[in-house]
PDB file of all heavy atoms in Angstrom:
ATOM      1  N   GLU A   1      -7.649 -18.738  12.337  1.00  0.00           N
ATOM      2  CA  GLU A   1      -8.871 -18.438  13.066  1.00  0.00           C
ATOM      3  C   GLU A   1      -9.337 -17.014  12.865  1.00  0.00           C
ATOM      4  O   GLU A   1     -10.401 -16.622  13.364  1.00  0.00           O
ATOM      5  CB  GLU A   1      -8.620 -18.704  14.595  1.00  0.00           C
ATOM      6  CG  GLU A   1      -7.534 -17.841  15.228  1.00  0.00           C
ATOM      7  CD  GLU A   1      -6.177 -18.441  15.141  1.00  0.00           C
ATOM      8  OE1 GLU A   1      -5.946 -19.383  14.308  1.00  0.00           O
ATOM      9  OE2 GLU A   1      -5.300 -18.050  15.973  1.00  0.00           O
ATOM     10  N   ASP A   2      -8.597 -16.180  12.159  1.00  0.00           N
ATOM     11  CA  ASP A   2      -8.953 -14.806  11.919  1.00  0.00           C
ATOM     12  C   ASP A   2     -10.193 -14.771  10.978  1.00  0.00           C
ATOM     13  O   ASP A   2     -10.188 -15.464   9.946  1.00  0.00           O
ATOM     14  CB  ASP A   2      -7.820 -13.968  11.347  1.00  0.00           C
ATOM     15  CG  ASP A   2      -6.752 -13.723  12.356  1.00  0.00           C
ATOM     16  OD1 ASP A   2      -7.072 -13.649  13.582  1.00  0.00           O
ATOM     17  OD2 ASP A   2      -5.532 -13.585  11.959  1.00  0.00           O
ATOM     18  N   THR A   3     -11.170 -13.916  11.341  1.00  0.00           N
ATOM     19  CA  THR A   3     -12.372 -13.750  10.501  1.00  0.00           C
ATOM     20  C   THR A   3     -12.605 -12.331  10.167  1.00  0.00           C
ATOM     21  O   THR A   3     -11.860 -11.400  10.577  1.00  0.00           O
ATOM     22  CB  THR A   3     -13.595 -14.317  11.292  1.00  0.00           C
ATOM     23  OG1 THR A   3     -13.718 -13.572  12.534  1.00  0.00           O
ATOM     24  CG2 THR A   3     -13.421 -15.797  11.613  1.00  0.00           C
ATOM     25  N   GLY A   4     -13.620 -12.046   9.375  1.00  0.00           N
ATOM     26  CA  GLY A   4     -13.986 -10.734   8.990  1.00  0.00           C
ATOM     27  C   GLY A   4     -12.910 -10.125   8.029  1.00  0.00           C
ATOM     28  O   GLY A   4     -12.702  -8.893   7.984  1.00  0.00           O
ATOM     29  N   LEU A   5     -12.311 -10.912   7.170  1.00  0.00           N
ATOM     30  CA  LEU A   5     -11.252 -10.547   6.276  1.00  0.00           C
ATOM     31  C   LEU A   5     -11.766 -10.183   4.856  1.00  0.00           C
ATOM     32  O   LEU A   5     -12.515 -11.026   4.357  1.00  0.00           O
ATOM     33  CB  LEU A   5     -10.175 -11.515   6.207  1.00  0.00           C
ATOM     34  CG  LEU A   5      -9.538 -12.062   7.572  1.00  0.00           C
ATOM     35  CD1 LEU A   5      -8.490 -13.067   7.304  1.00  0.00           C
ATOM     36  CD2 LEU A   5      -8.981 -10.871   8.392  1.00  0.00           C
ATOM     37  N   TYR A   6     -11.379  -9.122   4.323  1.00  0.00           N
ATOM     38  CA  TYR A   6     -11.712  -8.782   2.999  1.00  0.00           C
ATOM     39  C   TYR A   6     -10.604  -9.164   2.020  1.00  0.00           C
ATOM     40  O   TYR A   6      -9.448  -8.737   2.244  1.00  0.00           O
ATOM     41  CB  TYR A   6     -11.976  -7.265   2.876  1.00  0.00           C
ATOM     42  CG  TYR A   6     -12.075  -6.718   1.450  1.00  0.00           C
ATOM     43  CD1 TYR A   6     -12.940  -7.280   0.521  1.00  0.00           C
ATOM     44  CD2 TYR A   6     -11.174  -5.760   1.021  1.00  0.00           C
ATOM     45  CE1 TYR A   6     -13.000  -6.754  -0.764  1.00  0.00           C
ATOM     46  CE2 TYR A   6     -11.242  -5.254  -0.249  1.00  0.00           C
ATOM     47  CZ  TYR A   6     -12.162  -5.829  -1.177  1.00  0.00           C
ATOM     48  OH  TYR A   6     -12.190  -5.350  -2.432  1.00  0.00           O
ATOM     49  N   ARG A   7     -10.871  -9.989   1.105  1.00  0.00           N
ATOM     50  CA  ARG A   7      -9.895 -10.421   0.118  1.00  0.00           C
ATOM     51  C   ARG A   7     -10.054  -9.690  -1.198  1.00  0.00           C
ATOM     52  O   ARG A   7     -11.162  -9.592  -1.680  1.00  0.00           O
ATOM     53  CB  ARG A   7     -10.038 -11.956  -0.184  1.00  0.00           C
ATOM     54  CG  ARG A   7      -9.092 -12.479  -1.184  1.00  0.00           C
ATOM     55  CD  ARG A   7      -9.346 -14.005  -1.287  1.00  0.00           C
ATOM     56  NE  ARG A   7      -8.423 -14.649  -2.204  1.00  0.00           N
ATOM     57  CZ  ARG A   7      -8.528 -14.672  -3.531  1.00  0.00           C
ATOM     58  NH1 ARG A   7      -9.606 -14.092  -4.075  1.00  0.00           N
ATOM     59  NH2 ARG A   7      -7.670 -15.313  -4.325  1.00  0.00           N
ATOM     60  N   PHE A   8      -9.019  -9.150  -1.712  1.00  0.00           N
ATOM     61  CA  PHE A   8      -9.127  -8.377  -2.960  1.00  0.00           C
ATOM     62  C   PHE A   8      -8.033  -8.883  -3.952  1.00  0.00           C
ATOM     63  O   PHE A   8      -6.986  -9.313  -3.564  1.00  0.00           O
ATOM     64  CB  PHE A   8      -9.043  -6.871  -2.786  1.00  0.00           C
ATOM     65  CG  PHE A   8      -7.677  -6.374  -2.296  1.00  0.00           C
ATOM     66  CD1 PHE A   8      -6.692  -6.028  -3.148  1.00  0.00           C
ATOM     67  CD2 PHE A   8      -7.391  -6.360  -0.932  1.00  0.00           C
ATOM     68  CE1 PHE A   8      -5.463  -5.561  -2.714  1.00  0.00           C
ATOM     69  CE2 PHE A   8      -6.172  -5.896  -0.477  1.00  0.00           C
ATOM     70  CZ  PHE A   8      -5.202  -5.520  -1.364  1.00  0.00           C
ATOM     71  N   ALA A   9      -8.342  -8.724  -5.198  1.00  0.00           N
ATOM     72  CA  ALA A   9      -7.424  -9.103  -6.291  1.00  0.00           C
ATOM     73  C   ALA A   9      -7.735  -8.265  -7.540  1.00  0.00           C
ATOM     74  O   ALA A   9      -8.861  -8.317  -8.013  1.00  0.00           O
ATOM     75  CB  ALA A   9      -7.560 -10.630  -6.608  1.00  0.00           C
ATOM     76  N   PHE A  10      -6.823  -7.428  -7.880  1.00  0.00           N
ATOM     77  CA  PHE A  10      -7.004  -6.627  -9.094  1.00  0.00           C
ATOM     78  C   PHE A  10      -5.553  -6.168  -9.562  1.00  0.00           C
ATOM     79  O   PHE A  10      -4.617  -6.139  -8.759  1.00  0.00           O
ATOM     80  CB  PHE A  10      -7.859  -5.458  -8.922  1.00  0.00           C
ATOM     81  CG  PHE A  10      -7.548  -4.568  -7.778  1.00  0.00           C
ATOM     82  CD1 PHE A  10      -6.821  -3.375  -7.965  1.00  0.00           C
ATOM     83  CD2 PHE A  10      -8.016  -4.764  -6.530  1.00  0.00           C
ATOM     84  CE1 PHE A  10      -6.523  -2.517  -6.923  1.00  0.00           C
ATOM     85  CE2 PHE A  10      -7.714  -3.905  -5.494  1.00  0.00           C
ATOM     86  CZ  PHE A  10      -6.949  -2.775  -5.680  1.00  0.00           C
ATOM     87  N   ASP A  11      -5.455  -5.802 -10.778  1.00  0.00           N
ATOM     88  CA  ASP A  11      -4.218  -5.373 -11.441  1.00  0.00           C
ATOM     89  C   ASP A  11      -3.788  -4.006 -10.910  1.00  0.00           C
ATOM     90  O   ASP A  11      -4.563  -3.001 -11.082  1.00  0.00           O
ATOM     91  CB  ASP A  11      -4.315  -5.380 -12.934  1.00  0.00           C
ATOM     92  CG  ASP A  11      -4.393  -6.801 -13.457  1.00  0.00           C
ATOM     93  OD1 ASP A  11      -3.773  -7.639 -12.882  1.00  0.00           O
ATOM     94  OD2 ASP A  11      -5.022  -6.964 -14.530  1.00  0.00           O
ATOM     95  N   ILE A  12      -2.594  -3.850 -10.351  1.00  0.00           N
ATOM     96  CA  ILE A  12      -2.018  -2.593 -10.092  1.00  0.00           C
ATOM     97  C   ILE A  12      -0.744  -2.436 -10.822  1.00  0.00           C
ATOM     98  O   ILE A  12       0.129  -3.294 -10.796  1.00  0.00           O
ATOM     99  CB  ILE A  12      -1.755  -2.438  -8.577  1.00  0.00           C
ATOM    100  CG1 ILE A  12      -3.082  -2.527  -7.774  1.00  0.00           C
ATOM    101  CG2 ILE A  12      -1.001  -1.096  -8.227  1.00  0.00           C
ATOM    102  CD1 ILE A  12      -2.892  -2.432  -6.247  1.00  0.00           C
ATOM    103  N   PRO A  13      -0.602  -1.447 -11.647  1.00  0.00           N
ATOM    104  CA  PRO A  13       0.505  -1.374 -12.603  1.00  0.00           C
ATOM    105  C   PRO A  13       1.867  -1.203 -11.805  1.00  0.00           C
ATOM    106  O   PRO A  13       1.891  -0.651 -10.685  1.00  0.00           O
ATOM    107  CB  PRO A  13       0.260  -0.202 -13.442  1.00  0.00           C
ATOM    108  CG  PRO A  13      -0.716   0.750 -12.618  1.00  0.00           C
ATOM    109  CD  PRO A  13      -1.533  -0.294 -11.858  1.00  0.00           C
ATOM    110  N   ILE A  14       2.964  -1.661 -12.482  1.00  0.00           N
ATOM    111  CA  ILE A  14       4.230  -1.401 -11.912  1.00  0.00           C
ATOM    112  C   ILE A  14       4.596   0.051 -12.209  1.00  0.00           C
ATOM    113  O   ILE A  14       3.851   0.796 -12.855  1.00  0.00           O
ATOM    114  CB  ILE A  14       5.307  -2.356 -12.571  1.00  0.00           C
ATOM    115  CG1 ILE A  14       5.385  -2.128 -14.061  1.00  0.00           C
ATOM    116  CG2 ILE A  14       4.938  -3.811 -12.222  1.00  0.00           C
ATOM    117  CD1 ILE A  14       6.534  -2.966 -14.722  1.00  0.00           C
ATOM    118  N   LEU A  15       5.765   0.463 -11.710  1.00  0.00           N
ATOM    119  CA  LEU A  15       6.219   1.850 -11.941  1.00  0.00           C
ATOM    120  C   LEU A  15       6.299   2.153 -13.389  1.00  0.00           C
ATOM    121  O   LEU A  15       6.939   1.480 -14.161  1.00  0.00           O
ATOM    122  CB  LEU A  15       7.554   2.054 -11.258  1.00  0.00           C
ATOM    123  CG  LEU A  15       8.160   3.447 -11.354  1.00  0.00           C
ATOM    124  CD1 LEU A  15       7.334   4.469 -10.510  1.00  0.00           C
ATOM    125  CD2 LEU A  15       9.602   3.476 -10.852  1.00  0.00           C
ATOM    126  N   CYS A  16       5.694   3.276 -13.835  1.00  0.00           N
ATOM    127  CA  CYS A  16       5.679   3.651 -15.242  1.00  0.00           C
ATOM    128  C   CYS A  16       6.954   4.363 -15.624  1.00  0.00           C
ATOM    129  O   CYS A  16       7.613   4.986 -14.803  1.00  0.00           O
ATOM    130  CB  CYS A  16       4.476   4.547 -15.520  1.00  0.00           C
ATOM    131  SG  CYS A  16       4.196   5.856 -14.342  1.00  0.00           S
ATOM    132  N   PRO A  17       7.369   4.225 -16.842  1.00  0.00           N
ATOM    133  CA  PRO A  17       8.540   4.956 -17.350  1.00  0.00           C
ATOM    134  C   PRO A  17       8.327   6.460 -17.189  1.00  0.00           C
ATOM    135  O   PRO A  17       7.229   6.992 -17.472  1.00  0.00           O
ATOM    136  CB  PRO A  17       8.661   4.543 -18.801  1.00  0.00           C
ATOM    137  CG  PRO A  17       7.932   3.243 -18.903  1.00  0.00           C
ATOM    138  CD  PRO A  17       6.823   3.349 -17.912  1.00  0.00           C
ATOM    139  N   GLY A  18       9.327   7.122 -16.735  1.00  0.00           N
ATOM    140  CA  GLY A  18       9.237   8.546 -16.447  1.00  0.00           C
ATOM    141  C   GLY A  18       8.553   8.975 -15.168  1.00  0.00           C
ATOM    142  O   GLY A  18       8.351  10.135 -14.870  1.00  0.00           O
ATOM    143  N   CYS A  19       8.178   7.953 -14.337  1.00  0.00           N
ATOM    144  CA  CYS A  19       7.461   8.194 -13.079  1.00  0.00           C
ATOM    145  C   CYS A  19       8.447   8.016 -11.893  1.00  0.00           C
ATOM    146  O   CYS A  19       9.514   7.400 -12.018  1.00  0.00           O
ATOM    147  CB  CYS A  19       6.339   7.207 -12.913  1.00  0.00           C
ATOM    148  SG  CYS A  19       5.031   7.435 -14.077  1.00  0.00           S
ATOM    149  N   ARG A  20       8.032   8.570 -10.787  1.00  0.00           N
ATOM    150  CA  ARG A  20       8.676   8.380  -9.506  1.00  0.00           C
ATOM    151  C   ARG A  20       7.665   7.880  -8.497  1.00  0.00           C
ATOM    152  O   ARG A  20       6.541   8.421  -8.446  1.00  0.00           O
ATOM    153  CB  ARG A  20       9.413   9.655  -8.990  1.00  0.00           C
ATOM    154  CG  ARG A  20      10.637  10.012  -9.840  1.00  0.00           C
ATOM    155  CD  ARG A  20      11.299  11.181  -9.210  1.00  0.00           C
ATOM    156  NE  ARG A  20      12.503  11.637 -10.031  1.00  0.00           N
ATOM    157  CZ  ARG A  20      13.643  11.057 -10.005  1.00  0.00           C
ATOM    158  NH1 ARG A  20      13.889  10.026  -9.146  1.00  0.00           N
ATOM    159  NH2 ARG A  20      14.633  11.436 -10.726  1.00  0.00           N
ATOM    160  N   ARG A  21       8.034   6.929  -7.712  1.00  0.00           N
ATOM    161  CA  ARG A  21       7.149   6.361  -6.648  1.00  0.00           C
ATOM    162  C   ARG A  21       7.405   7.143  -5.431  1.00  0.00           C
ATOM    163  O   ARG A  21       8.421   7.081  -4.763  1.00  0.00           O
ATOM    164  CB  ARG A  21       7.412   4.888  -6.489  1.00  0.00           C
ATOM    165  CG  ARG A  21       6.468   4.194  -5.525  1.00  0.00           C
ATOM    166  CD  ARG A  21       6.360   2.706  -5.747  1.00  0.00           C
ATOM    167  NE  ARG A  21       5.663   2.446  -6.995  1.00  0.00           N
ATOM    168  CZ  ARG A  21       5.316   1.189  -7.442  1.00  0.00           C
ATOM    169  NH1 ARG A  21       5.673   0.143  -6.714  1.00  0.00           N
ATOM    170  NH2 ARG A  21       4.678   1.079  -8.528  1.00  0.00           N
ATOM    171  N   MET A  22       6.353   7.935  -5.019  1.00  0.00           N
ATOM    172  CA  MET A  22       6.313   8.749  -3.830  1.00  0.00           C
ATOM    173  C   MET A  22       5.503   8.100  -2.760  1.00  0.00           C
ATOM    174  O   MET A  22       4.270   7.809  -2.931  1.00  0.00           O
ATOM    175  CB  MET A  22       5.818  10.153  -4.192  1.00  0.00           C
ATOM    176  CG  MET A  22       6.479  10.858  -5.343  1.00  0.00           C
ATOM    177  SD  MET A  22       8.300  10.964  -5.096  1.00  0.00           S
ATOM    178  CE  MET A  22       8.390  11.966  -3.646  1.00  0.00           C
ATOM    179  N   PHE A  23       6.174   7.922  -1.615  1.00  0.00           N
ATOM    180  CA  PHE A  23       5.562   7.101  -0.533  1.00  0.00           C
ATOM    181  C   PHE A  23       5.340   8.044   0.661  1.00  0.00           C
ATOM    182  O   PHE A  23       6.201   8.792   1.070  1.00  0.00           O
ATOM    183  CB  PHE A  23       6.503   6.003  -0.150  1.00  0.00           C
ATOM    184  CG  PHE A  23       6.047   5.104   0.959  1.00  0.00           C
ATOM    185  CD1 PHE A  23       4.900   4.259   0.777  1.00  0.00           C
ATOM    186  CD2 PHE A  23       6.698   5.052   2.167  1.00  0.00           C
ATOM    187  CE1 PHE A  23       4.495   3.490   1.832  1.00  0.00           C
ATOM    188  CE2 PHE A  23       6.334   4.242   3.174  1.00  0.00           C
ATOM    189  CZ  PHE A  23       5.212   3.414   3.030  1.00  0.00           C
ATOM    190  N   ILE A  24       4.175   7.939   1.252  1.00  0.00           N
ATOM    191  CA  ILE A  24       3.843   8.698   2.509  1.00  0.00           C
ATOM    192  C   ILE A  24       3.917   7.609   3.619  1.00  0.00           C
ATOM    193  O   ILE A  24       3.115   6.670   3.687  1.00  0.00           O
ATOM    194  CB  ILE A  24       2.461   9.308   2.469  1.00  0.00           C
ATOM    195  CG1 ILE A  24       2.416  10.328   1.305  1.00  0.00           C
ATOM    196  CG2 ILE A  24       2.188  10.039   3.783  1.00  0.00           C
ATOM    197  CD1 ILE A  24       1.074  11.045   1.174  1.00  0.00           C
ATOM    198  N   ASP A  25       4.876   7.786   4.545  1.00  0.00           N
ATOM    199  CA  ASP A  25       5.269   6.728   5.469  1.00  0.00           C
ATOM    200  C   ASP A  25       4.429   6.865   6.737  1.00  0.00           C
ATOM    201  O   ASP A  25       4.801   7.686   7.646  1.00  0.00           O
ATOM    202  CB  ASP A  25       6.749   6.823   5.807  1.00  0.00           C
ATOM    203  CG  ASP A  25       7.266   5.665   6.479  1.00  0.00           C
ATOM    204  OD1 ASP A  25       6.457   4.898   7.053  1.00  0.00           O
ATOM    205  OD2 ASP A  25       8.471   5.485   6.547  1.00  0.00           O
ATOM    206  N   PHE A  26       3.382   6.044   6.961  1.00  0.00           N
ATOM    207  CA  PHE A  26       2.643   6.106   8.160  1.00  0.00           C
ATOM    208  C   PHE A  26       3.398   5.549   9.332  1.00  0.00           C
ATOM    209  O   PHE A  26       3.042   5.927  10.491  1.00  0.00           O
ATOM    210  CB  PHE A  26       1.343   5.261   7.972  1.00  0.00           C
ATOM    211  CG  PHE A  26       0.317   5.699   6.962  1.00  0.00           C
ATOM    212  CD1 PHE A  26      -0.791   4.984   6.634  1.00  0.00           C
ATOM    213  CD2 PHE A  26       0.467   6.980   6.375  1.00  0.00           C
ATOM    214  CE1 PHE A  26      -1.733   5.449   5.764  1.00  0.00           C
ATOM    215  CE2 PHE A  26      -0.484   7.460   5.431  1.00  0.00           C
ATOM    216  CZ  PHE A  26      -1.546   6.662   5.170  1.00  0.00           C
ATOM    217  N   ASP A  27       4.382   4.736   9.116  1.00  0.00           N
ATOM    218  CA  ASP A  27       5.200   4.241  10.221  1.00  0.00           C
ATOM    219  C   ASP A  27       5.905   5.343  10.975  1.00  0.00           C
ATOM    220  O   ASP A  27       6.367   5.143  12.095  1.00  0.00           O
ATOM    221  CB  ASP A  27       6.175   3.187   9.710  1.00  0.00           C
ATOM    222  CG  ASP A  27       5.731   1.773   9.918  1.00  0.00           C
ATOM    223  OD1 ASP A  27       4.809   1.537  10.691  1.00  0.00           O
ATOM    224  OD2 ASP A  27       6.347   0.904   9.289  1.00  0.00           O
ATOM    225  N   ARG A  28       6.094   6.462  10.274  1.00  0.00           N
ATOM    226  CA  ARG A  28       6.772   7.561  10.949  1.00  0.00           C
ATOM    227  C   ARG A  28       5.804   8.616  11.588  1.00  0.00           C
ATOM    228  O   ARG A  28       6.279   9.654  11.978  1.00  0.00           O
ATOM    229  CB  ARG A  28       7.723   8.213   9.960  1.00  0.00           C
ATOM    230  CG  ARG A  28       8.857   7.255   9.619  1.00  0.00           C
ATOM    231  CD  ARG A  28       9.697   7.683   8.454  1.00  0.00           C
ATOM    232  NE  ARG A  28      10.460   8.879   8.743  1.00  0.00           N
ATOM    233  CZ  ARG A  28      11.282   9.464   7.853  1.00  0.00           C
ATOM    234  NH1 ARG A  28      11.415   8.986   6.633  1.00  0.00           N
ATOM    235  NH2 ARG A  28      11.945  10.593   8.113  1.00  0.00           N
ATOM    236  N   ILE A  29       4.560   8.231  11.708  1.00  0.00           N
ATOM    237  CA  ILE A  29       3.696   8.929  12.612  1.00  0.00           C
ATOM    238  C   ILE A  29       3.962   8.377  14.004  1.00  0.00           C
ATOM    239  O   ILE A  29       3.922   7.167  14.205  1.00  0.00           O
ATOM    240  CB  ILE A  29       2.183   8.645  12.255  1.00  0.00           C
ATOM    241  CG1 ILE A  29       1.838   9.224  10.827  1.00  0.00           C
ATOM    242  CG2 ILE A  29       1.299   9.334  13.281  1.00  0.00           C
ATOM    243  CD1 ILE A  29       0.449   8.857  10.389  1.00  0.00           C
ATOM    244  N   PRO A  30       4.322   9.245  14.958  1.00  0.00           N
ATOM    245  CA  PRO A  30       4.675   8.683  16.283  1.00  0.00           C
ATOM    246  C   PRO A  30       3.626   7.759  16.876  1.00  0.00           C
ATOM    247  O   PRO A  30       2.440   8.046  16.738  1.00  0.00           O
ATOM    248  CB  PRO A  30       4.911   9.928  17.140  1.00  0.00           C
ATOM    249  CG  PRO A  30       5.230  11.006  16.156  1.00  0.00           C
ATOM    250  CD  PRO A  30       4.439  10.689  14.875  1.00  0.00           C
ATOM    251  N   ALA A  31       4.066   6.617  17.419  1.00  0.00           N
ATOM    252  CA  ALA A  31       3.131   5.668  18.023  1.00  0.00           C
ATOM    253  C   ALA A  31       2.281   6.298  19.044  1.00  0.00           C
ATOM    254  O   ALA A  31       1.108   5.928  19.256  1.00  0.00           O
ATOM    255  CB  ALA A  31       3.865   4.490  18.515  1.00  0.00           C
ATOM    256  N   ASP A  32       2.814   7.233  19.818  1.00  0.00           N
ATOM    257  CA  ASP A  32       2.029   7.924  20.876  1.00  0.00           C
ATOM    258  C   ASP A  32       1.652   9.321  20.393  1.00  0.00           C
ATOM    259  O   ASP A  32       1.644  10.275  21.195  1.00  0.00           O
ATOM    260  CB  ASP A  32       2.797   7.988  22.159  1.00  0.00           C
ATOM    261  CG  ASP A  32       4.212   8.683  21.936  1.00  0.00           C
ATOM    262  OD1 ASP A  32       4.615   8.878  20.825  1.00  0.00           O
ATOM    263  OD2 ASP A  32       4.808   8.993  23.009  1.00  0.00           O
TER     264      ASP A  32
END
């Protein structure tokens, strides 16, 4: 029943040789 959804599909490369995946963790922004 959910509406107003944007569906996307495109190629996102996997981790490249010599690269490091650096993540900024929004979950560790305090909920309050």
